[in-house]
């Protein structure tokens, strides 16, 4: 499972991405990962964590969150391939050019989410140490297309919803207007997704980083 091949595949998807400006600048992707890698991520032997309530925030359940960490890179080829693809200098250079953001000195952080019934996220903006946010949706349930991220205006009113079919993606550059969330709605099955961030050196939770000692070029 070649990380560099996955990187080339993602770069092609990024070049084909649909650009939107409402309610804030974002990009919509399809076929974000090679099919073999997307399937391998879904097959990872991680059971959905038991979560009673998120209180609208992922950090409410920090102890049960899953990351493409150093340990998981070493143990699972799918995690290694993901990390290699998004650590790749060609990938970070293209992201920087297309999305007009400087990732120099940032660190790769990939979270694997498995959300179930009762999950929701309050409106938030991802500002702070995050320089880039991408979600890749990996749910295969019949209703999964409706499980996309809500894109909100400054009044937290729903303007658009990301299309969440299998292997589709959403990118935005965090800023003061990038309000988004996940309003309560039925989830029958498991809502799987990857959250890919590049974060600054100020990120304190180093165990969450794919390469905690190696910033991207």
N, C-alpha and C. Protein backbone atom coordinates (compact mmCIF):
# COMPACT_ATOMS: atom_id res chain seq x y z
N UNK A 1 0.86 -1.18 0.00
CA UNK A 1 0.00 0.00 0.00
C UNK A 1 0.90 1.24 0.00
N UNK A 2 1.08 1.84 -1.14
CA UNK A 2 2.07 2.89 -1.31
C UNK A 2 1.50 4.25 -0.92
N UNK A 3 2.14 4.91 0.05
CA UNK A 3 1.70 6.24 0.44
C UNK A 3 1.88 7.26 -0.67
N UNK A 4 2.99 7.13 -1.44
CA UNK A 4 3.23 8.09 -2.50
C UNK A 4 2.19 7.95 -3.61
N UNK A 5 1.75 6.73 -3.90
CA UNK A 5 0.67 6.55 -4.87
C UNK A 5 -0.62 7.19 -4.37
N UNK A 6 -0.88 7.04 -3.08
CA UNK A 6 -2.06 7.68 -2.50
C UNK A 6 -1.94 9.19 -2.59
N UNK A 7 -0.72 9.70 -2.41
CA UNK A 7 -0.52 11.13 -2.52
C UNK A 7 -0.81 11.62 -3.93
N UNK A 8 -0.33 10.91 -4.94
CA UNK A 8 -0.59 11.28 -6.33
C UNK A 8 -2.09 11.23 -6.64
N UNK A 9 -2.76 10.20 -6.12
CA UNK A 9 -4.20 10.08 -6.32
C UNK A 9 -4.93 11.27 -5.70
N UNK A 10 -4.56 11.63 -4.48
CA UNK A 10 -5.21 12.77 -3.82
C UNK A 10 -4.95 14.06 -4.58
N UNK A 11 -3.71 14.24 -5.05
CA UNK A 11 -3.40 15.48 -5.78
C UNK A 11 -4.25 15.60 -7.04
N UNK A 12 -4.48 14.49 -7.71
CA UNK A 12 -5.37 14.51 -8.88
C UNK A 12 -6.78 14.92 -8.46
N UNK A 13 -7.27 14.36 -7.35
CA UNK A 13 -8.60 14.72 -6.86
C UNK A 13 -8.67 16.20 -6.51
N UNK A 14 -7.61 16.72 -5.90
CA UNK A 14 -7.60 18.12 -5.51
C UNK A 14 -7.64 19.03 -6.74
N UNK A 15 -6.91 18.65 -7.78
CA UNK A 15 -6.91 19.46 -9.01
C UNK A 15 -8.29 19.46 -9.68
N UNK A 16 -9.09 18.43 -9.41
CA UNK A 16 -10.44 18.34 -9.98
C UNK A 16 -11.51 18.87 -9.03
N UNK A 17 -11.12 19.38 -7.88
CA UNK A 17 -12.08 19.78 -6.85
C UNK A 17 -12.95 20.95 -7.33
N UNK A 18 -14.17 20.97 -6.82
CA UNK A 18 -15.10 22.05 -7.11
C UNK A 18 -14.96 23.13 -6.04
N UNK A 19 -14.71 24.36 -6.47
CA UNK A 19 -14.46 25.48 -5.56
C UNK A 19 -15.76 26.22 -5.30
N UNK A 20 -16.03 26.51 -4.03
CA UNK A 20 -17.20 27.30 -3.66
C UNK A 20 -16.81 28.46 -2.75
N UNK A 21 -17.62 29.49 -2.73
CA UNK A 21 -17.35 30.68 -1.90
C UNK A 21 -18.42 30.92 -0.85
N UNK A 22 -19.51 30.16 -0.88
CA UNK A 22 -20.63 30.40 0.02
C UNK A 22 -20.84 29.20 0.94
N UNK A 23 -20.93 29.41 2.25
CA UNK A 23 -20.87 30.68 2.98
C UNK A 23 -19.44 31.16 3.26
N UNK A 24 -18.46 30.32 2.90
CA UNK A 24 -17.05 30.69 3.00
C UNK A 24 -16.30 29.85 1.96
N UNK A 25 -15.07 30.21 1.70
CA UNK A 25 -14.29 29.52 0.68
C UNK A 25 -14.06 28.05 1.06
N UNK A 26 -14.38 27.15 0.15
CA UNK A 26 -14.20 25.73 0.41
C UNK A 26 -14.05 24.99 -0.92
N UNK A 27 -13.64 23.74 -0.82
CA UNK A 27 -13.46 22.88 -1.99
C UNK A 27 -14.15 21.54 -1.72
N UNK A 28 -14.86 21.03 -2.72
CA UNK A 28 -15.53 19.73 -2.61
C UNK A 28 -14.81 18.74 -3.52
N UNK A 29 -14.50 17.56 -2.96
CA UNK A 29 -13.75 16.54 -3.68
C UNK A 29 -14.59 15.29 -3.87
N UNK A 30 -14.25 14.52 -4.88
CA UNK A 30 -14.76 13.16 -4.97
C UNK A 30 -13.58 12.24 -5.23
N UNK A 31 -13.72 10.98 -4.86
CA UNK A 31 -12.66 9.99 -5.07
C UNK A 31 -11.34 10.48 -4.48
N UNK A 32 -11.39 10.89 -3.22
CA UNK A 32 -10.24 11.54 -2.59
C UNK A 32 -9.06 10.59 -2.38
N UNK A 33 -9.34 9.33 -2.07
CA UNK A 33 -8.30 8.34 -1.80
C UNK A 33 -8.40 7.20 -2.81
N UNK A 34 -7.31 6.49 -3.06
CA UNK A 34 -7.43 5.27 -3.87
C UNK A 34 -8.44 4.32 -3.23
N UNK A 35 -9.23 3.65 -4.04
CA UNK A 35 -10.29 2.79 -3.51
C UNK A 35 -9.74 1.75 -2.54
N UNK A 36 -8.58 1.19 -2.86
CA UNK A 36 -8.01 0.17 -1.98
C UNK A 36 -7.68 0.74 -0.61
N UNK A 37 -7.16 1.96 -0.57
CA UNK A 37 -6.83 2.57 0.71
C UNK A 37 -8.08 2.96 1.48
N UNK A 38 -9.07 3.52 0.80
CA UNK A 38 -10.32 3.87 1.48
C UNK A 38 -10.95 2.64 2.13
N UNK A 39 -10.97 1.53 1.40
CA UNK A 39 -11.52 0.30 1.96
C UNK A 39 -10.68 -0.21 3.13
N UNK A 40 -9.36 -0.05 3.04
CA UNK A 40 -8.48 -0.51 4.11
C UNK A 40 -8.69 0.30 5.38
N UNK A 41 -8.97 1.59 5.25
CA UNK A 41 -9.25 2.40 6.44
C UNK A 41 -10.52 1.91 7.12
N UNK A 42 -11.56 1.68 6.32
CA UNK A 42 -12.82 1.18 6.89
C UNK A 42 -12.61 -0.16 7.58
N UNK A 43 -11.68 -0.96 7.09
CA UNK A 43 -11.44 -2.29 7.65
C UNK A 43 -10.51 -2.29 8.85
N UNK A 44 -10.00 -1.14 9.24
CA UNK A 44 -9.12 -1.10 10.42
C UNK A 44 -9.85 -1.68 11.64
N UNK A 45 -9.14 -2.42 12.48
CA UNK A 45 -9.80 -3.12 13.59
C UNK A 45 -10.07 -2.23 14.81
N UNK A 46 -10.69 -1.09 14.56
CA UNK A 46 -11.06 -0.17 15.64
C UNK A 46 -12.57 -0.15 15.76
N UNK A 47 -13.09 -0.59 16.89
CA UNK A 47 -14.53 -0.53 17.11
C UNK A 47 -14.93 0.91 17.42
N UNK A 48 -16.12 1.33 17.01
CA UNK A 48 -16.59 2.67 17.38
C UNK A 48 -16.55 2.83 18.89
N UNK A 49 -15.97 3.92 19.38
CA UNK A 49 -15.87 4.09 20.83
C UNK A 49 -17.24 4.31 21.45
N UNK A 50 -17.44 3.81 22.67
CA UNK A 50 -18.72 4.05 23.35
C UNK A 50 -18.79 5.50 23.82
N UNK A 51 -19.67 6.27 23.22
CA UNK A 51 -19.80 7.69 23.55
C UNK A 51 -21.25 7.96 23.91
N UNK A 52 -21.49 8.38 25.13
CA UNK A 52 -22.86 8.65 25.55
C UNK A 52 -23.35 9.98 25.00
N UNK A 53 -22.49 11.00 25.03
CA UNK A 53 -22.89 12.33 24.57
C UNK A 53 -21.63 13.12 24.26
N UNK A 54 -21.64 13.84 23.15
CA UNK A 54 -20.48 14.67 22.80
C UNK A 54 -20.57 16.05 23.40
N UNK A 55 -21.75 16.43 23.89
CA UNK A 55 -21.99 17.82 24.33
C UNK A 55 -21.67 18.79 23.19
N UNK A 56 -21.72 18.29 21.95
CA UNK A 56 -21.49 19.13 20.79
C UNK A 56 -20.03 19.37 20.48
N UNK A 57 -19.11 18.65 21.14
CA UNK A 57 -17.68 18.85 20.92
C UNK A 57 -16.96 17.50 20.92
N UNK A 58 -16.04 17.33 20.00
CA UNK A 58 -15.28 16.08 19.99
C UNK A 58 -14.39 15.96 21.22
N UNK A 59 -13.86 17.07 21.70
CA UNK A 59 -12.94 16.99 22.84
C UNK A 59 -13.61 16.53 24.12
N UNK A 60 -14.95 16.48 24.13
CA UNK A 60 -15.64 15.93 25.30
C UNK A 60 -15.20 14.50 25.58
N UNK A 61 -14.82 13.78 24.51
CA UNK A 61 -14.44 12.37 24.64
C UNK A 61 -13.01 12.14 24.14
N UNK A 62 -12.09 12.99 24.56
CA UNK A 62 -10.71 12.91 24.08
C UNK A 62 -10.07 11.55 24.33
N UNK A 63 -10.43 10.90 25.43
CA UNK A 63 -9.77 9.65 25.80
C UNK A 63 -10.02 8.52 24.81
N UNK A 64 -11.10 8.61 24.03
CA UNK A 64 -11.45 7.51 23.12
C UNK A 64 -11.23 7.87 21.64
N UNK A 65 -10.61 9.02 21.37
CA UNK A 65 -10.41 9.42 19.98
C UNK A 65 -9.24 8.65 19.35
N UNK A 66 -9.32 8.43 18.04
CA UNK A 66 -8.33 7.64 17.32
C UNK A 66 -7.57 8.53 16.32
N UNK A 67 -6.25 8.39 16.30
CA UNK A 67 -5.42 9.20 15.41
C UNK A 67 -4.44 8.30 14.65
N UNK A 68 -4.01 8.81 13.51
CA UNK A 68 -2.93 8.17 12.78
C UNK A 68 -1.64 8.63 13.45
N UNK A 69 -1.34 8.00 14.55
CA UNK A 69 -0.19 8.35 15.39
C UNK A 69 1.04 7.57 14.94
N UNK A 70 2.16 7.83 15.58
CA UNK A 70 3.38 7.06 15.29
C UNK A 70 3.14 5.57 15.50
N UNK A 71 2.48 5.22 16.60
CA UNK A 71 2.25 3.81 16.90
C UNK A 71 1.33 3.17 15.87
N UNK A 72 0.28 3.87 15.47
CA UNK A 72 -0.64 3.28 14.49
C UNK A 72 -0.04 3.25 13.09
N UNK A 73 0.85 4.18 12.78
CA UNK A 73 1.58 4.11 11.51
C UNK A 73 2.41 2.83 11.44
N UNK A 74 3.06 2.53 12.56
CA UNK A 74 3.93 1.35 12.59
C UNK A 74 3.14 0.04 12.56
N UNK A 75 1.94 0.07 13.08
CA UNK A 75 1.17 -1.17 13.22
C UNK A 75 0.28 -1.47 12.02
N UNK A 76 -0.26 -0.43 11.37
CA UNK A 76 -1.26 -0.64 10.33
C UNK A 76 -0.81 -0.02 9.00
N UNK A 77 -0.68 -0.82 7.95
CA UNK A 77 -0.26 -0.28 6.65
C UNK A 77 -1.17 0.84 6.14
N UNK A 78 -2.46 0.76 6.42
CA UNK A 78 -3.38 1.81 5.95
C UNK A 78 -3.04 3.14 6.61
N UNK A 79 -2.70 3.11 7.89
CA UNK A 79 -2.32 4.35 8.58
C UNK A 79 -1.01 4.90 8.03
N UNK A 80 -0.07 4.00 7.76
CA UNK A 80 1.21 4.44 7.20
C UNK A 80 1.01 5.08 5.83
N UNK A 81 0.16 4.48 4.99
CA UNK A 81 -0.08 5.02 3.66
C UNK A 81 -0.74 6.38 3.72
N UNK A 82 -1.71 6.54 4.62
CA UNK A 82 -2.36 7.84 4.79
C UNK A 82 -1.34 8.90 5.19
N UNK A 83 -0.54 8.59 6.20
CA UNK A 83 0.43 9.56 6.70
C UNK A 83 1.44 9.94 5.62
N UNK A 84 1.94 8.95 4.89
CA UNK A 84 2.92 9.23 3.85
C UNK A 84 2.32 10.12 2.76
N UNK A 85 1.06 9.87 2.41
CA UNK A 85 0.42 10.65 1.35
C UNK A 85 0.31 12.12 1.70
N UNK A 86 -0.03 12.41 2.95
CA UNK A 86 -0.26 13.80 3.33
C UNK A 86 0.96 14.48 3.93
N UNK A 87 2.00 13.72 4.20
CA UNK A 87 3.29 14.29 4.59
C UNK A 87 4.11 14.63 3.36
N UNK A 88 3.77 14.05 2.24
CA UNK A 88 4.52 14.20 0.99
C UNK A 88 4.66 15.67 0.60
N UNK A 89 5.86 16.08 0.25
CA UNK A 89 6.12 17.48 -0.08
C UNK A 89 5.31 17.94 -1.29
N UNK A 90 5.12 17.06 -2.28
CA UNK A 90 4.33 17.43 -3.45
C UNK A 90 2.88 17.72 -3.06
N UNK A 91 2.36 16.96 -2.11
CA UNK A 91 0.99 17.17 -1.65
C UNK A 91 0.86 18.49 -0.90
N UNK A 92 1.76 18.74 0.04
CA UNK A 92 1.66 19.98 0.82
C UNK A 92 1.90 21.20 -0.06
N UNK A 93 2.77 21.07 -1.08
CA UNK A 93 3.00 22.19 -1.98
C UNK A 93 1.75 22.52 -2.79
N UNK A 94 1.07 21.47 -3.29
CA UNK A 94 -0.14 21.71 -4.07
C UNK A 94 -1.24 22.30 -3.21
N UNK A 95 -1.40 21.79 -1.99
CA UNK A 95 -2.39 22.37 -1.07
C UNK A 95 -2.09 23.85 -0.85
N UNK A 96 -0.84 24.16 -0.59
CA UNK A 96 -0.47 25.55 -0.37
C UNK A 96 -0.80 26.43 -1.55
N UNK A 97 -0.50 25.95 -2.76
CA UNK A 97 -0.76 26.75 -3.97
C UNK A 97 -2.25 26.91 -4.23
N UNK A 98 -3.00 25.81 -4.17
CA UNK A 98 -4.42 25.87 -4.52
C UNK A 98 -5.26 26.57 -3.47
N UNK A 99 -4.89 26.38 -2.21
CA UNK A 99 -5.72 26.90 -1.12
C UNK A 99 -5.14 28.19 -0.51
N UNK A 100 -4.04 28.66 -1.07
CA UNK A 100 -3.43 29.91 -0.63
C UNK A 100 -3.15 29.89 0.87
N UNK A 101 -2.43 28.87 1.30
CA UNK A 101 -2.06 28.77 2.71
C UNK A 101 -0.63 28.27 2.82
N UNK A 102 0.08 28.72 3.82
CA UNK A 102 1.48 28.33 4.02
C UNK A 102 1.55 27.26 5.09
N UNK A 103 1.92 26.05 4.71
CA UNK A 103 1.99 24.94 5.66
C UNK A 103 3.40 24.70 6.17
N UNK A 104 4.33 25.54 5.77
CA UNK A 104 5.72 25.34 6.18
C UNK A 104 5.84 25.28 7.69
N UNK A 105 6.49 24.22 8.20
CA UNK A 105 6.68 24.08 9.64
C UNK A 105 5.49 23.52 10.38
N UNK A 106 4.40 23.20 9.65
CA UNK A 106 3.22 22.63 10.30
C UNK A 106 3.38 21.11 10.45
N UNK A 107 2.53 20.52 11.26
CA UNK A 107 2.57 19.09 11.56
C UNK A 107 1.26 18.43 11.12
N UNK A 108 1.38 17.22 10.62
CA UNK A 108 0.23 16.48 10.12
C UNK A 108 -0.53 15.81 11.26
N UNK A 109 -1.83 15.99 11.25
CA UNK A 109 -2.72 15.38 12.26
C UNK A 109 -3.90 14.76 11.51
N UNK A 110 -4.09 13.47 11.67
CA UNK A 110 -5.20 12.77 11.02
C UNK A 110 -6.00 12.03 12.10
N UNK A 111 -7.27 12.34 12.18
CA UNK A 111 -8.16 11.65 13.12
C UNK A 111 -9.12 10.75 12.34
N UNK A 112 -9.34 9.56 12.88
CA UNK A 112 -10.31 8.63 12.31
C UNK A 112 -11.54 8.63 13.21
N UNK A 113 -12.66 9.10 12.67
CA UNK A 113 -13.88 9.26 13.46
C UNK A 113 -14.90 8.19 13.09
N UNK A 114 -15.56 7.66 14.10
CA UNK A 114 -16.63 6.68 13.91
C UNK A 114 -17.81 7.11 14.78
N UNK A 115 -18.63 7.96 14.22
CA UNK A 115 -19.74 8.56 14.96
C UNK A 115 -21.00 7.72 14.82
N UNK A 116 -21.77 7.67 15.90
CA UNK A 116 -22.99 6.88 15.88
C UNK A 116 -24.17 7.73 16.34
N UNK A 117 -25.33 7.09 16.43
CA UNK A 117 -26.55 7.80 16.77
C UNK A 117 -26.39 8.69 18.01
N UNK A 118 -26.90 9.90 17.93
CA UNK A 118 -26.78 10.86 19.02
C UNK A 118 -25.64 11.84 18.83
N UNK A 119 -24.77 11.59 17.86
CA UNK A 119 -23.64 12.49 17.61
C UNK A 119 -24.12 13.82 17.04
N UNK A 120 -23.49 14.89 17.49
CA UNK A 120 -23.72 16.21 16.90
C UNK A 120 -22.54 17.11 17.26
N UNK A 121 -22.37 18.16 16.50
CA UNK A 121 -21.32 19.14 16.77
C UNK A 121 -21.90 20.54 16.73
N UNK A 122 -21.59 21.32 17.73
CA UNK A 122 -22.04 22.70 17.75
C UNK A 122 -21.29 23.53 16.70
N UNK A 123 -21.84 24.67 16.29
CA UNK A 123 -21.12 25.54 15.34
C UNK A 123 -19.78 25.98 15.91
N UNK A 124 -18.72 25.88 15.08
CA UNK A 124 -17.39 26.29 15.49
C UNK A 124 -16.59 26.64 14.23
N UNK A 125 -15.40 27.16 14.40
CA UNK A 125 -14.65 27.69 13.26
C UNK A 125 -13.29 27.05 13.03
N UNK A 126 -12.75 26.26 13.92
CA UNK A 126 -11.43 25.63 13.77
C UNK A 126 -10.27 26.62 13.75
N UNK A 127 -10.48 27.85 14.18
CA UNK A 127 -9.38 28.81 14.17
C UNK A 127 -8.38 28.45 15.27
N UNK A 128 -7.22 29.07 15.22
CA UNK A 128 -6.19 28.79 16.21
C UNK A 128 -5.01 28.13 15.55
N UNK A 129 -4.62 26.96 16.03
CA UNK A 129 -3.42 26.30 15.54
C UNK A 129 -3.63 25.52 14.25
N UNK A 130 -4.86 25.40 13.78
CA UNK A 130 -5.13 24.64 12.55
C UNK A 130 -4.99 25.55 11.34
N UNK A 131 -4.14 25.13 10.39
CA UNK A 131 -3.92 25.90 9.17
C UNK A 131 -4.69 25.33 7.98
N UNK A 132 -5.22 24.12 8.13
CA UNK A 132 -5.90 23.44 7.03
C UNK A 132 -6.81 22.39 7.64
N UNK A 133 -8.02 22.28 7.09
CA UNK A 133 -8.96 21.25 7.53
C UNK A 133 -9.56 20.55 6.32
N UNK A 134 -9.52 19.23 6.34
CA UNK A 134 -10.19 18.44 5.31
C UNK A 134 -10.92 17.29 5.97
N UNK A 135 -12.12 17.03 5.51
CA UNK A 135 -12.87 15.85 5.92
C UNK A 135 -13.02 14.93 4.73
N UNK A 136 -12.75 13.65 4.93
CA UNK A 136 -12.98 12.64 3.91
C UNK A 136 -14.00 11.67 4.48
N UNK A 137 -15.14 11.57 3.82
CA UNK A 137 -16.25 10.77 4.32
C UNK A 137 -16.12 9.32 3.84
N UNK A 138 -16.26 8.39 4.77
CA UNK A 138 -16.03 6.98 4.45
C UNK A 138 -17.16 6.07 4.92
N UNK A 139 -18.37 6.61 4.95
CA UNK A 139 -19.53 5.80 5.33
C UNK A 139 -20.12 5.13 4.11
N UNK A 140 -20.55 3.88 4.29
CA UNK A 140 -21.11 3.11 3.18
C UNK A 140 -22.59 2.81 3.37
N UNK A 141 -23.20 3.41 4.38
CA UNK A 141 -24.61 3.20 4.66
C UNK A 141 -25.46 3.89 3.59
N UNK A 142 -26.66 3.40 3.38
CA UNK A 142 -27.54 3.96 2.36
C UNK A 142 -27.86 5.43 2.61
N UNK A 143 -27.89 5.85 3.87
CA UNK A 143 -28.22 7.24 4.20
C UNK A 143 -26.99 8.14 4.32
N UNK A 144 -25.82 7.62 4.02
CA UNK A 144 -24.59 8.34 4.33
C UNK A 144 -24.46 9.69 3.62
N UNK A 145 -25.05 9.83 2.43
CA UNK A 145 -24.92 11.08 1.70
C UNK A 145 -25.48 12.26 2.48
N UNK A 146 -26.38 12.01 3.41
CA UNK A 146 -26.99 13.09 4.20
C UNK A 146 -26.21 13.39 5.48
N UNK A 147 -25.09 12.73 5.67
CA UNK A 147 -24.32 12.88 6.91
C UNK A 147 -23.15 13.84 6.76
N UNK A 148 -23.23 14.75 5.81
CA UNK A 148 -22.15 15.70 5.60
C UNK A 148 -22.13 16.83 6.60
N UNK A 149 -21.02 17.55 6.61
CA UNK A 149 -20.83 18.69 7.50
C UNK A 149 -21.72 19.85 7.09
N UNK A 150 -22.32 20.52 8.06
CA UNK A 150 -23.12 21.72 7.81
C UNK A 150 -22.20 22.92 7.65
N UNK A 151 -22.40 23.69 6.59
CA UNK A 151 -21.68 24.95 6.38
C UNK A 151 -22.63 26.09 6.75
N UNK A 152 -22.19 26.94 7.65
CA UNK A 152 -23.07 27.91 8.30
C UNK A 152 -22.59 29.34 8.05
N UNK A 153 -23.53 30.28 8.12
CA UNK A 153 -23.14 31.69 8.03
C UNK A 153 -22.85 32.23 9.43
N UNK A 154 -22.60 33.52 9.53
CA UNK A 154 -22.21 34.12 10.81
C UNK A 154 -23.30 34.03 11.87
N UNK A 155 -24.55 33.82 11.44
CA UNK A 155 -25.65 33.67 12.40
C UNK A 155 -25.90 32.21 12.75
N UNK A 156 -25.02 31.33 12.26
CA UNK A 156 -25.11 29.88 12.47
C UNK A 156 -26.32 29.27 11.74
N UNK A 157 -26.73 29.94 10.68
CA UNK A 157 -27.81 29.43 9.84
C UNK A 157 -27.24 28.51 8.77
N UNK A 158 -27.89 27.38 8.55
CA UNK A 158 -27.43 26.44 7.55
C UNK A 158 -27.53 27.05 6.15
N UNK A 159 -26.42 27.06 5.43
CA UNK A 159 -26.37 27.56 4.06
C UNK A 159 -26.18 26.41 3.07
N UNK A 160 -25.35 25.46 3.44
CA UNK A 160 -25.08 24.31 2.56
C UNK A 160 -24.68 23.13 3.42
N UNK A 161 -24.72 21.96 2.83
CA UNK A 161 -24.29 20.74 3.53
C UNK A 161 -23.38 19.96 2.59
N UNK A 162 -22.23 19.58 3.12
CA UNK A 162 -21.28 18.82 2.30
C UNK A 162 -21.91 17.50 1.86
N UNK A 163 -21.62 17.12 0.64
CA UNK A 163 -22.07 15.84 0.12
C UNK A 163 -21.15 14.76 0.67
N UNK A 164 -21.73 13.78 1.35
CA UNK A 164 -20.93 12.85 2.15
C UNK A 164 -20.97 11.43 1.61
N UNK A 165 -21.03 11.28 0.30
CA UNK A 165 -20.96 9.93 -0.26
C UNK A 165 -19.56 9.36 -0.03
N UNK A 166 -19.43 8.06 -0.18
CA UNK A 166 -18.18 7.38 0.15
C UNK A 166 -17.00 7.96 -0.63
N UNK A 167 -15.96 8.35 0.09
CA UNK A 167 -14.71 8.86 -0.46
C UNK A 167 -14.82 10.29 -1.00
N UNK A 168 -15.91 10.99 -0.67
CA UNK A 168 -16.01 12.41 -0.99
C UNK A 168 -15.28 13.21 0.09
N UNK A 169 -14.96 14.45 -0.23
CA UNK A 169 -14.22 15.26 0.74
C UNK A 169 -14.63 16.71 0.74
N UNK A 170 -14.28 17.39 1.82
CA UNK A 170 -14.53 18.82 1.99
C UNK A 170 -13.26 19.45 2.55
N UNK A 171 -12.82 20.55 1.95
CA UNK A 171 -11.63 21.28 2.41
C UNK A 171 -12.00 22.72 2.69
N UNK A 172 -11.43 23.29 3.74
CA UNK A 172 -11.48 24.73 3.94
C UNK A 172 -10.27 25.15 4.76
N UNK A 173 -9.94 26.42 4.67
CA UNK A 173 -8.85 26.99 5.44
C UNK A 173 -9.46 27.71 6.64
N UNK A 174 -9.22 27.23 7.86
CA UNK A 174 -9.87 27.81 9.03
C UNK A 174 -9.65 29.31 9.16
N UNK A 175 -10.71 30.00 9.51
CA UNK A 175 -10.67 31.43 9.71
C UNK A 175 -11.88 31.87 10.50
N UNK A 176 -12.02 33.15 10.78
CA UNK A 176 -13.10 33.62 11.64
C UNK A 176 -14.49 33.47 11.06
N UNK A 177 -14.61 33.19 9.75
CA UNK A 177 -15.94 33.04 9.15
C UNK A 177 -16.27 31.60 8.80
N UNK A 178 -15.38 30.65 9.11
CA UNK A 178 -15.60 29.27 8.66
C UNK A 178 -16.45 28.48 9.65
N UNK A 179 -17.66 28.97 9.88
CA UNK A 179 -18.56 28.30 10.81
C UNK A 179 -19.09 27.00 10.19
N UNK A 180 -18.99 25.93 10.96
CA UNK A 180 -19.48 24.64 10.50
C UNK A 180 -19.85 23.81 11.71
N UNK A 181 -20.55 22.72 11.48
CA UNK A 181 -20.97 21.84 12.58
C UNK A 181 -21.69 20.64 12.01
N UNK A 182 -22.40 19.95 12.88
CA UNK A 182 -23.19 18.79 12.47
C UNK A 182 -24.46 18.80 13.30
N UNK A 183 -25.56 19.25 12.70
CA UNK A 183 -26.82 19.34 13.43
C UNK A 183 -27.35 17.94 13.74
N UNK A 184 -28.06 17.78 14.84
CA UNK A 184 -28.60 16.46 15.19
C UNK A 184 -29.47 15.92 14.06
N UNK A 185 -29.23 14.67 13.70
CA UNK A 185 -30.01 14.00 12.67
C UNK A 185 -29.83 12.49 12.86
N UNK A 186 -30.72 11.70 12.32
CA UNK A 186 -30.59 10.24 12.50
C UNK A 186 -29.31 9.71 11.88
N UNK A 187 -28.59 8.87 12.62
CA UNK A 187 -27.45 8.13 12.11
C UNK A 187 -27.73 6.66 12.39
N UNK A 188 -28.05 5.93 11.35
CA UNK A 188 -28.31 4.50 11.49
C UNK A 188 -27.09 3.77 10.95
N UNK A 189 -26.29 3.27 11.85
CA UNK A 189 -25.02 2.69 11.46
C UNK A 189 -23.89 3.52 12.03
N UNK A 190 -22.79 3.61 11.30
CA UNK A 190 -21.61 4.34 11.76
C UNK A 190 -21.21 5.38 10.72
N UNK A 191 -21.07 6.61 11.16
CA UNK A 191 -20.63 7.71 10.30
C UNK A 191 -19.10 7.77 10.38
N UNK A 192 -18.43 7.24 9.37
CA UNK A 192 -16.97 7.19 9.37
C UNK A 192 -16.40 8.36 8.57
N UNK A 193 -15.34 8.95 9.08
CA UNK A 193 -14.69 10.03 8.36
C UNK A 193 -13.26 10.18 8.86
N UNK A 194 -12.44 10.78 8.01
CA UNK A 194 -11.10 11.21 8.39
C UNK A 194 -11.11 12.73 8.48
N UNK A 195 -10.47 13.25 9.51
CA UNK A 195 -10.24 14.69 9.61
C UNK A 195 -8.74 14.90 9.48
N UNK A 196 -8.34 15.57 8.41
CA UNK A 196 -6.94 15.84 8.15
C UNK A 196 -6.66 17.31 8.43
N UNK A 197 -5.75 17.56 9.34
CA UNK A 197 -5.34 18.93 9.67
C UNK A 197 -3.83 19.06 9.53
N UNK A 198 -3.40 20.26 9.21
CA UNK A 198 -2.01 20.66 9.41
C UNK A 198 -2.04 21.72 10.49
N UNK A 199 -1.28 21.48 11.57
CA UNK A 199 -1.34 22.34 12.74
C UNK A 199 0.03 22.96 13.00
N UNK A 200 0.04 24.09 13.68
CA UNK A 200 1.29 24.77 13.97
C UNK A 200 2.05 24.08 15.09
N UNK A 201 3.28 24.51 15.30
CA UNK A 201 4.12 23.90 16.32
C UNK A 201 3.58 24.13 17.73
N UNK A 202 2.57 24.99 17.86
CA UNK A 202 1.97 25.23 19.18
C UNK A 202 1.03 24.11 19.62
N UNK A 203 0.77 23.15 18.73
CA UNK A 203 -0.16 22.06 19.08
C UNK A 203 0.42 21.25 20.25
N UNK A 204 -0.32 21.17 21.32
CA UNK A 204 0.20 20.57 22.55
C UNK A 204 0.08 19.05 22.59
N UNK A 205 -0.96 18.52 21.97
CA UNK A 205 -1.21 17.07 22.06
C UNK A 205 -0.36 16.35 21.01
N UNK A 206 0.92 16.21 21.31
CA UNK A 206 1.86 15.68 20.32
C UNK A 206 1.55 14.22 19.96
N UNK A 207 0.91 13.48 20.86
CA UNK A 207 0.58 12.09 20.57
C UNK A 207 -0.43 11.96 19.43
N UNK A 208 -1.11 13.04 19.08
CA UNK A 208 -2.08 13.00 17.99
C UNK A 208 -1.43 13.14 16.61
N UNK A 209 -0.18 13.54 16.57
CA UNK A 209 0.48 13.86 15.31
C UNK A 209 1.07 12.62 14.65
N UNK A 210 1.02 12.61 13.33
CA UNK A 210 1.57 11.47 12.60
C UNK A 210 3.08 11.43 12.67
N UNK A 211 3.69 12.61 12.63
CA UNK A 211 5.16 12.73 12.71
C UNK A 211 5.48 13.86 13.69
N UNK A 212 5.42 13.59 14.98
CA UNK A 212 5.54 14.67 15.96
C UNK A 212 6.90 15.38 15.95
N UNK A 213 7.91 14.77 15.35
CA UNK A 213 9.23 15.38 15.30
C UNK A 213 9.60 15.85 13.90
N UNK A 214 8.66 15.81 12.97
CA UNK A 214 8.99 16.14 11.58
C UNK A 214 7.90 17.01 10.97
N UNK A 215 8.10 18.32 10.96
CA UNK A 215 7.13 19.18 10.29
C UNK A 215 7.17 18.96 8.78
N UNK A 216 6.09 19.33 8.11
CA UNK A 216 6.07 19.17 6.65
C UNK A 216 7.01 20.17 6.02
N UNK A 217 7.48 19.84 4.82
CA UNK A 217 8.41 20.72 4.12
C UNK A 217 7.66 21.91 3.54
